[in-house]
Amino acid sequence: MELFQLRAGEEFIRLGQVLKAAGFVENGGEAKEVIREGMVSVNGEIETRRGRKLYKGDIASYDGREVQVTV
C-alpha cells in the first residue's frame, strides 16, 4: 500500500487528484474514465464520483494497487 500525505492545512484531497498523485493514472481524463467506469473503490466500495473527498485514513484502490491518505 502506498501512502499519500496531505499538505499542511489540507483536510482532504479529491479522488481524481489522489489517483494522479499516486501515479495510478497518467492524467485527469484517465482518472475520470476509470472512476466513471466503476474501476475504483474507496474504503472497499465502488466509487463513481471523481470529486469524492478523501480524508485521513481513507483508502483508494485501482488495478490491484492501494493508496491511503495520511496527514
C-alpha atoms as a PDB file:
ATOM      1  CA  MET A   1       0.000   0.000   0.000  1.00  0.00           C
ATOM      2  CA  GLU A   2       1.225   3.457  -0.878  1.00  0.00           C
ATOM      3  CA  LEU A   3       0.743   6.488   1.345  1.00  0.00           C
ATOM      4  CA  PHE A   4      -0.319   9.949   0.247  1.00  0.00           C
ATOM      5  CA  GLN A   5       0.354  12.734   2.729  1.00  0.00           C
ATOM      6  CA  LEU A   6      -1.942  15.738   2.720  1.00  0.00           C
ATOM      7  CA  ARG A   7      -0.229  19.105   2.637  1.00  0.00           C
ATOM      8  CA  ALA A   8      -0.220  21.249   5.767  1.00  0.00           C
ATOM      9  CA  GLY A   9      -3.616  22.850   6.250  1.00  0.00           C
ATOM     10  CA  GLU A  10      -5.443  20.495   3.865  1.00  0.00           C
ATOM     11  CA  GLU A  11      -8.259  18.366   5.239  1.00  0.00           C
ATOM     12  CA  PHE A  12      -8.979  16.321   2.111  1.00  0.00           C
ATOM     13  CA  ILE A  13      -7.981  15.514  -1.460  1.00  0.00           C
ATOM     14  CA  ARG A  14     -10.341  14.630  -4.294  1.00  0.00           C
ATOM     15  CA  LEU A  15     -10.314  11.087  -5.646  1.00  0.00           C
ATOM     16  CA  GLY A  16      -9.176  12.008  -9.157  1.00  0.00           C
ATOM     17  CA  GLN A  17      -6.301  14.037  -7.726  1.00  0.00           C
ATOM     18  CA  VAL A  18      -5.019  11.258  -5.493  1.00  0.00           C
ATOM     19  CA  LEU A  19      -5.083   8.755  -8.368  1.00  0.00           C
ATOM     20  CA  LYS A  20      -2.891  11.126 -10.392  1.00  0.00           C
ATOM     21  CA  ALA A  21      -0.589  11.982  -7.469  1.00  0.00           C
ATOM     22  CA  ALA A  22      -0.032   8.301  -6.653  1.00  0.00           C
ATOM     23  CA  GLY A  23       0.779   7.575 -10.299  1.00  0.00           C
ATOM     24  CA  PHE A  24      -2.155   5.200 -10.768  1.00  0.00           C
ATOM     25  CA  VAL A  25      -3.261   7.153 -13.853  1.00  0.00           C
ATOM     26  CA  GLU A  26      -1.469   9.468 -16.267  1.00  0.00           C
ATOM     27  CA  ASN A  27      -3.882  12.412 -16.262  1.00  0.00           C
ATOM     28  CA  GLY A  28      -7.242  13.751 -15.178  1.00  0.00           C
ATOM     29  CA  GLY A  29      -9.008  12.400 -18.249  1.00  0.00           C
ATOM     30  CA  GLU A  30      -7.869   8.877 -17.494  1.00  0.00           C
ATOM     31  CA  ALA A  31      -8.859   9.300 -13.827  1.00  0.00           C
ATOM     32  CA  LYS A  32     -12.323  10.456 -14.872  1.00  0.00           C
ATOM     33  CA  GLU A  33     -12.754   7.462 -17.183  1.00  0.00           C
ATOM     34  CA  VAL A  34     -11.667   4.725 -14.762  1.00  0.00           C
ATOM     35  CA  ILE A  35     -13.738   6.232 -11.947  1.00  0.00           C
ATOM     36  CA  ARG A  36     -16.827   6.614 -14.136  1.00  0.00           C
ATOM     37  CA  GLU A  37     -16.484   3.001 -15.302  1.00  0.00           C
ATOM     38  CA  GLY A  38     -16.573   1.760 -11.689  1.00  0.00           C
ATOM     39  CA  MET A  39     -12.982   0.547 -11.645  1.00  0.00           C
ATOM     40  CA  VAL A  40     -12.034   2.469  -8.472  1.00  0.00           C
ATOM     41  CA  SER A  41     -13.090   1.780  -4.903  1.00  0.00           C
ATOM     42  CA  VAL A  42     -12.844   3.851  -1.747  1.00  0.00           C
ATOM     43  CA  ASN A  43     -12.743   2.007   1.560  1.00  0.00           C
ATOM     44  CA  GLY A  44     -13.855  -1.166  -0.190  1.00  0.00           C
ATOM     45  CA  GLU A  45     -16.869   0.304  -2.020  1.00  0.00           C
ATOM     46  CA  ILE A  46     -17.048   1.179  -5.732  1.00  0.00           C
ATOM     47  CA  GLU A  47     -16.923   4.956  -6.228  1.00  0.00           C
ATOM     48  CA  THR A  48     -18.042   6.687  -9.426  1.00  0.00           C
ATOM     49  CA  ARG A  49     -17.625  10.321  -8.325  1.00  0.00           C
ATOM     50  CA  ARG A  50     -14.291  11.837  -9.348  1.00  0.00           C
ATOM     51  CA  GLY A  51     -14.827  14.685  -6.886  1.00  0.00           C
ATOM     52  CA  ARG A  52     -15.271  12.362  -3.886  1.00  0.00           C
ATOM     53  CA  LYS A  53     -13.354  13.849  -0.959  1.00  0.00           C
ATOM     54  CA  LEU A  54     -10.829  11.569   0.720  1.00  0.00           C
ATOM     55  CA  TYR A  55      -9.829  12.286   4.307  1.00  0.00           C
ATOM     56  CA  LYS A  56      -7.133  10.921   6.615  1.00  0.00           C
ATOM     57  CA  GLY A  57      -7.378   7.125   6.751  1.00  0.00           C
ATOM     58  CA  ASP A  58      -9.370   6.691   3.525  1.00  0.00           C
ATOM     59  CA  ILE A  59      -8.043   4.073   1.109  1.00  0.00           C
ATOM     60  CA  ALA A  60      -8.495   4.259  -2.668  1.00  0.00           C
ATOM     61  CA  SER A  61      -7.949   1.139  -4.784  1.00  0.00           C
ATOM     62  CA  TYR A  62      -7.440   0.771  -8.519  1.00  0.00           C
ATOM     63  CA  ASP A  63      -5.988  -2.019 -10.662  1.00  0.00           C
ATOM     64  CA  GLY A  64      -4.708  -4.017  -7.689  1.00  0.00           C
ATOM     65  CA  ARG A  65      -2.987  -1.029  -6.094  1.00  0.00           C
ATOM     66  CA  GLU A  66      -3.964   0.919  -2.984  1.00  0.00           C
ATOM     67  CA  VAL A  67      -3.194   4.361  -1.625  1.00  0.00           C
ATOM     68  CA  GLN A  68      -4.030   5.579   1.860  1.00  0.00           C
ATOM     69  CA  VAL A  69      -4.460   9.241   2.744  1.00  0.00           C
ATOM     70  CA  THR A  70      -2.347  10.345   5.712  1.00  0.00           C
ATOM     71  CA  VAL A  71      -1.611  13.611   7.484  1.00  0.00           C
END
